[in-house]
Amino acid sequence: MRVAHADRIAVLEGGRVAELGTHQELLGAEGRYAAFWHERRRAAGWHLSGH
């Protein structure tokens, strides 16, 4: 299952819950989860080569 389909997502920071909500709620909050999500999407097509 992909994290975006989870009922609730918890973002931990320093051992505490920093953000809690659905994928859409957390994207709308433009916090740490949204930054993480956008960075992952941006890097999705990257591949390392052995050259």
PDB file of N, CA and C in Angstrom:
ATOM      1  N   MET A   1       0.848  -1.188   0.000  1.00  0.00           N
ATOM      2  CA  MET A   1       0.000   0.000   0.000  1.00  0.00           C
ATOM      3  C   MET A   1       0.888   1.245   0.000  1.00  0.00           C
ATOM      4  N   ARG A   2       0.526   2.203  -0.749  1.00  0.00           N
ATOM      5  CA  ARG A   2       1.271   3.458  -0.804  1.00  0.00           C
ATOM      6  C   ARG A   2       0.853   4.356   0.343  1.00  0.00           C
ATOM      7  N   VAL A   3       1.796   5.140   0.815  1.00  0.00           N
ATOM      8  CA  VAL A   3       1.522   6.022   1.948  1.00  0.00           C
ATOM      9  C   VAL A   3       0.386   7.005   1.636  1.00  0.00           C
ATOM     10  N   ALA A   4       0.269   7.422   0.400  1.00  0.00           N
ATOM     11  CA  ALA A   4      -0.778   8.383   0.022  1.00  0.00           C
ATOM     12  C   ALA A   4      -2.180   7.819   0.222  1.00  0.00           C
ATOM     13  N   HIS A   5      -2.311   6.501   0.296  1.00  0.00           N
ATOM     14  CA  HIS A   5      -3.619   5.867   0.471  1.00  0.00           C
ATOM     15  C   HIS A   5      -3.922   5.516   1.925  1.00  0.00           C
ATOM     16  N   ALA A   6      -3.018   5.829   2.822  1.00  0.00           N
ATOM     17  CA  ALA A   6      -3.224   5.520   4.239  1.00  0.00           C
ATOM     18  C   ALA A   6      -4.358   6.372   4.815  1.00  0.00           C
ATOM     19  N   ASP A   7      -5.044   5.824   5.805  1.00  0.00           N
ATOM     20  CA  ASP A   7      -6.119   6.571   6.469  1.00  0.00           C
ATOM     21  C   ASP A   7      -5.574   7.767   7.235  1.00  0.00           C
ATOM     22  N   ARG A   8      -4.434   7.593   7.891  1.00  0.00           N
ATOM     23  CA  ARG A   8      -3.785   8.663   8.662  1.00  0.00           C
ATOM     24  C   ARG A   8      -2.275   8.526   8.485  1.00  0.00           C
ATOM     25  N   ILE A   9      -1.602   9.640   8.400  1.00  0.00           N
ATOM     26  CA  ILE A   9      -0.149   9.671   8.278  1.00  0.00           C
ATOM     27  C   ILE A   9       0.381  10.509   9.430  1.00  0.00           C
ATOM     28  N   ALA A  10       1.383   9.983  10.118  1.00  0.00           N
ATOM     29  CA  ALA A  10       2.018  10.723  11.215  1.00  0.00           C
ATOM     30  C   ALA A  10       3.436  11.061  10.801  1.00  0.00           C
ATOM     31  N   VAL A  11       3.805  12.314  10.922  1.00  0.00           N
ATOM     32  CA  VAL A  11       5.169  12.771  10.655  1.00  0.00           C
ATOM     33  C   VAL A  11       5.818  13.011  12.003  1.00  0.00           C
ATOM     34  N   LEU A  12       6.910  12.300  12.251  1.00  0.00           N
ATOM     35  CA  LEU A  12       7.603  12.411  13.534  1.00  0.00           C
ATOM     36  C   LEU A  12       8.798  13.342  13.420  1.00  0.00           C
ATOM     37  N   GLU A  13       9.009  14.101  14.462  1.00  0.00           N
ATOM     38  CA  GLU A  13      10.170  14.994  14.533  1.00  0.00           C
ATOM     39  C   GLU A  13      10.625  15.018  15.987  1.00  0.00           C
ATOM     40  N   GLY A  14      11.868  14.630  16.203  1.00  0.00           N
ATOM     41  CA  GLY A  14      12.388  14.620  17.559  1.00  0.00           C
ATOM     42  C   GLY A  14      11.622  13.681  18.481  1.00  0.00           C
ATOM     43  N   GLY A  15      11.107  12.583  17.925  1.00  0.00           N
ATOM     44  CA  GLY A  15      10.368  11.617  18.721  1.00  0.00           C
ATOM     45  C   GLY A  15       8.933  12.004  19.031  1.00  0.00           C
ATOM     46  N   ARG A  16       8.469  13.102  18.459  1.00  0.00           N
ATOM     47  CA  ARG A  16       7.095  13.561  18.692  1.00  0.00           C
ATOM     48  C   ARG A  16       6.359  13.698  17.363  1.00  0.00           C
ATOM     49  N   VAL A  17       5.036  13.628  17.444  1.00  0.00           N
ATOM     50  CA  VAL A  17       4.224  13.794  16.238  1.00  0.00           C
ATOM     51  C   VAL A  17       4.205  15.275  15.872  1.00  0.00           C
ATOM     52  N   ALA A  18       4.767  15.596  14.718  1.00  0.00           N
ATOM     53  CA  ALA A  18       4.821  16.979  14.248  1.00  0.00           C
ATOM     54  C   ALA A  18       3.625  17.306  13.355  1.00  0.00           C
ATOM     55  N   GLU A  19       3.149  16.307  12.604  1.00  0.00           N
ATOM     56  CA  GLU A  19       2.012  16.485  11.711  1.00  0.00           C
ATOM     57  C   GLU A  19       1.214  15.191  11.700  1.00  0.00           C
ATOM     58  N   LEU A  20      -0.094  15.303  11.572  1.00  0.00           N
ATOM     59  CA  LEU A  20      -0.974  14.136  11.546  1.00  0.00           C
ATOM     60  C   LEU A  20      -2.170  14.450  10.667  1.00  0.00           C
ATOM     61  N   GLY A  21      -2.454  13.567   9.731  1.00  0.00           N
ATOM     62  CA  GLY A  21      -3.616  13.771   8.875  1.00  0.00           C
ATOM     63  C   GLY A  21      -3.594  12.843   7.684  1.00  0.00           C
ATOM     64  N   THR A  22      -4.494  13.080   6.751  1.00  0.00           N
ATOM     65  CA  THR A  22      -4.513  12.319   5.499  1.00  0.00           C
ATOM     66  C   THR A  22      -3.469  12.917   4.562  1.00  0.00           C
ATOM     67  N   HIS A  23      -3.223  12.224   3.496  1.00  0.00           N
ATOM     68  CA  HIS A  23      -2.274  12.710   2.490  1.00  0.00           C
ATOM     69  C   HIS A  23      -2.682  14.107   2.009  1.00  0.00           C
ATOM     70  N   GLN A  24      -3.945  14.264   1.655  1.00  0.00           N
ATOM     71  CA  GLN A  24      -4.432  15.552   1.149  1.00  0.00           C
ATOM     72  C   GLN A  24      -4.338  16.651   2.204  1.00  0.00           C
ATOM     73  N   GLU A  25      -4.679  16.339   3.427  1.00  0.00           N
ATOM     74  CA  GLU A  25      -4.599  17.336   4.510  1.00  0.00           C
ATOM     75  C   GLU A  25      -3.157  17.794   4.720  1.00  0.00           C
ATOM     76  N   LEU A  26      -2.246  16.837   4.716  1.00  0.00           N
ATOM     77  CA  LEU A  26      -0.838  17.175   4.957  1.00  0.00           C
ATOM     78  C   LEU A  26      -0.230  17.938   3.786  1.00  0.00           C
ATOM     79  N   LEU A  27      -0.625  17.605   2.574  1.00  0.00           N
ATOM     80  CA  LEU A  27      -0.149  18.387   1.420  1.00  0.00           C
ATOM     81  C   LEU A  27      -0.659  19.823   1.523  1.00  0.00           C
ATOM     82  N   GLY A  28      -1.904  19.981   1.914  1.00  0.00           N
ATOM     83  CA  GLY A  28      -2.509  21.307   2.049  1.00  0.00           C
ATOM     84  C   GLY A  28      -1.880  22.133   3.147  1.00  0.00           C
ATOM     85  N   ALA A  29      -1.333  21.469   4.161  1.00  0.00           N
ATOM     86  CA  ALA A  29      -0.700  22.183   5.277  1.00  0.00           C
ATOM     87  C   ALA A  29       0.669  22.738   4.902  1.00  0.00           C
ATOM     88  N   GLU A  30       1.233  22.258   3.791  1.00  0.00           N
ATOM     89  CA  GLU A  30       2.521  22.729   3.278  1.00  0.00           C
ATOM     90  C   GLU A  30       3.638  22.682   4.322  1.00  0.00           C
ATOM     91  N   GLY A  31       3.657  21.622   5.101  1.00  0.00           N
ATOM     92  CA  GLY A  31       4.692  21.439   6.120  1.00  0.00           C
ATOM     93  C   GLY A  31       5.762  20.456   5.681  1.00  0.00           C
ATOM     94  N   ARG A  32       6.306  19.742   6.650  1.00  0.00           N
ATOM     95  CA  ARG A  32       7.380  18.788   6.382  1.00  0.00           C
ATOM     96  C   ARG A  32       6.949  17.658   5.455  1.00  0.00           C
ATOM     97  N   TYR A  33       5.746  17.130   5.665  1.00  0.00           N
ATOM     98  CA  TYR A  33       5.264  16.051   4.806  1.00  0.00           C
ATOM     99  C   TYR A  33       5.175  16.520   3.358  1.00  0.00           C
ATOM    100  N   ALA A  34       4.612  17.685   3.135  1.00  0.00           N
ATOM    101  CA  ALA A  34       4.466  18.204   1.773  1.00  0.00           C
ATOM    102  C   ALA A  34       5.840  18.403   1.131  1.00  0.00           C
ATOM    103  N   ALA A  35       6.798  18.918   1.870  1.00  0.00           N
ATOM    104  CA  ALA A  35       8.151  19.110   1.334  1.00  0.00           C
ATOM    105  C   ALA A  35       8.759  17.758   0.960  1.00  0.00           C
ATOM    106  N   PHE A  36       8.603  16.766   1.848  1.00  0.00           N
ATOM    107  CA  PHE A  36       9.096  15.416   1.584  1.00  0.00           C
ATOM    108  C   PHE A  36       8.430  14.843   0.329  1.00  0.00           C
ATOM    109  N   TRP A  37       7.117  14.971   0.235  1.00  0.00           N
ATOM    110  CA  TRP A  37       6.372  14.410  -0.886  1.00  0.00           C
ATOM    111  C   TRP A  37       6.801  15.038  -2.212  1.00  0.00           C
ATOM    112  N   HIS A  38       6.927  16.347  -2.228  1.00  0.00           N
ATOM    113  CA  HIS A  38       7.304  17.034  -3.464  1.00  0.00           C
ATOM    114  C   HIS A  38       8.736  16.686  -3.867  1.00  0.00           C
ATOM    115  N   GLU A  39       9.630  16.537  -2.921  1.00  0.00           N
ATOM    116  CA  GLU A  39      11.013  16.151  -3.222  1.00  0.00           C
ATOM    117  C   GLU A  39      11.061  14.738  -3.788  1.00  0.00           C
ATOM    118  N   ARG A  40      10.300  13.822  -3.205  1.00  0.00           N
ATOM    119  CA  ARG A  40      10.256  12.441  -3.706  1.00  0.00           C
ATOM    120  C   ARG A  40       9.703  12.401  -5.128  1.00  0.00           C
ATOM    121  N   ARG A  41       8.670  13.177  -5.391  1.00  0.00           N
ATOM    122  CA  ARG A  41       8.090  13.212  -6.740  1.00  0.00           C
ATOM    123  C   ARG A  41       9.093  13.774  -7.739  1.00  0.00           C
ATOM    124  N   ARG A  42       9.816  14.810  -7.328  1.00  0.00           N
ATOM    125  CA  ARG A  42      10.801  15.433  -8.213  1.00  0.00           C
ATOM    126  C   ARG A  42      11.927  14.454  -8.558  1.00  0.00           C
ATOM    127  N   ALA A  43      12.317  13.628  -7.603  1.00  0.00           N
ATOM    128  CA  ALA A  43      13.443  12.717  -7.787  1.00  0.00           C
ATOM    129  C   ALA A  43      13.014  11.341  -8.309  1.00  0.00           C
ATOM    130  N   ALA A  44      11.750  11.126  -8.556  1.00  0.00           N
ATOM    131  CA  ALA A  44      11.235   9.802  -8.920  1.00  0.00           C
ATOM    132  C   ALA A  44      11.903   9.217 -10.163  1.00  0.00           C
ATOM    133  N   GLY A  45      12.266  10.010 -11.116  1.00  0.00           N
ATOM    134  CA  GLY A  45      12.852   9.498 -12.351  1.00  0.00           C
ATOM    135  C   GLY A  45      14.365   9.387 -12.354  1.00  0.00           C
ATOM    136  N   TRP A  46      14.991   9.756 -11.261  1.00  0.00           N
ATOM    137  CA  TRP A  46      16.448   9.721 -11.204  1.00  0.00           C
ATOM    138  C   TRP A  46      16.968   8.289 -11.141  1.00  0.00           C
ATOM    139  N   HIS A  47      18.095   8.053 -11.801  1.00  0.00           N
ATOM    140  CA  HIS A  47      18.770   6.758 -11.743  1.00  0.00           C
ATOM    141  C   HIS A  47      20.264   7.015 -11.643  1.00  0.00           C
ATOM    142  N   LEU A  48      20.938   6.235 -10.838  1.00  0.00           N
ATOM    143  CA  LEU A  48      22.393   6.331 -10.735  1.00  0.00           C
ATOM    144  C   LEU A  48      23.015   5.367 -11.728  1.00  0.00           C
ATOM    145  N   SER A  49      24.025   5.833 -12.397  1.00  0.00           N
ATOM    146  CA  SER A  49      24.720   4.944 -13.349  1.00  0.00           C
ATOM    147  C   SER A  49      26.091   4.606 -12.774  1.00  0.00           C
ATOM    148  N   GLY A  50      26.664   3.543 -13.234  1.00  0.00           N
ATOM    149  CA  GLY A  50      27.956   3.083 -12.756  1.00  0.00           C
ATOM    150  C   GLY A  50      29.128   3.636 -13.544  1.00  0.00           C
ATOM    151  N   HIS A  51      28.950   4.740 -14.218  1.00  0.00           N
ATOM    152  CA  HIS A  51      30.027   5.294 -15.067  1.00  0.00           C
ATOM    153  C   HIS A  51      30.981   6.092 -14.266  1.00  0.00           C
TER     154      HIS A  51
END
